Amino acid sequence: MKFGTIGAGTVALAFAREALATGHQAVLSSRRGPESLARKVAELGRGAFTATVEEAASLDYVLLAVPWPNVEDALRGLPAWNGRVLIDATNPFIEYSPKLVLADLGGKGASEVVAGLAPGARVVKAFNSIVTARFNEGPIKNGGRRVIFVSGDHPEPTEFVKSVIEGFGFVPVYLGGLATGGRLQQAGGPLAGRDLVDFGSL
């Protein structure tokens, strides 16, 4: 599978490294243009490419990994989604320093807002609740496997994203649709930032 990314920061790079390690390809993009990503793509190695945001967003599976204040601009003017899949890895922080401040979403979940900004996309929430440093440590911890939460309203792409997570060696845990599961796993929710480990079924 060839994944596109909107954004090329720590979350997108962490995802790309795992994707490449498991035989996928990754096409990174950022608003600064493809040339700005040449060094990052070279460090990622074979299977990594750079493109414009529009080109990366035209792929069948696209990871959204930009700071929350940039989400609306990042999704503006892209090719019609037409059922393609948008993996939402964002969290609704509007400030990071001197403290974390969450956006007022008017009672909506962050992924519901994202879905509204990307009409026609099938949105799956994933890779946002695990701290990137823990993700980069790999799936194995204390003899178990780290959990990555997944939420989505569309069964087929949700199952595919779960299979990708499983391929990375992590344990995917489905929380339900965006309106319920998405809010549980986004920043401010009870599962955000949890480094949970699965030791297998009893």
Foldseek 3Di string as FASTA:
>chain_A
DEAEEEDDDLLLLLLQLLQVVLPAAYEYEYPVFQVVCVVVQVVSPPRYHYGYLQVNLVDLEYEYDDEQVCLLVSLPPHPQNQARAYEYQYAQFPDPPPHTDGDCPVLFFPVVVSCVSRPNHFYKYKSNQADSVLVNVAQDDPQFGWEIEMAGDDPPVRVVVQVSCVSSVHHYDYDYHCRTRVQCRHPVHVRHHDGDTDNDDD
